[in-house]
Amino acid sequence: MLREHPLPAVGLVLVAVEAAAGAFGASSLAFSLAVLIVAPGLALARVLPAAIRAKADALLCAAPVLGFAAIGVTLVAAARIGLPLEG
């Protein structure tokens, strides 16, 4: 499975590295935001058309956009059901 679809694993590794860095007190807002946007995009890369998945540069450009859309939908859904989103 990992050989066929390595991108979700790359997203998971990004999240793990960011969590480990935060656990040791080394936090970076830019890296955290990049992980928040890129990791979901990599995890959902299988839904992209094959022409985009076949080209690494196109996939790297599409992953943040897809991740941003996924995070946006998640935040709107969370707010809609009444979950607090602040702090």
Foldseek 3Di string as FASTA:
>chain_A
DCVVQVQLVVLVVLVVVQVVCVVVPNHDPVSVVCSQQQNVLSNPVVVDDPVQVVDPVSSSVRRSVSSVVVVVVVVVVCVVVPHDDDD
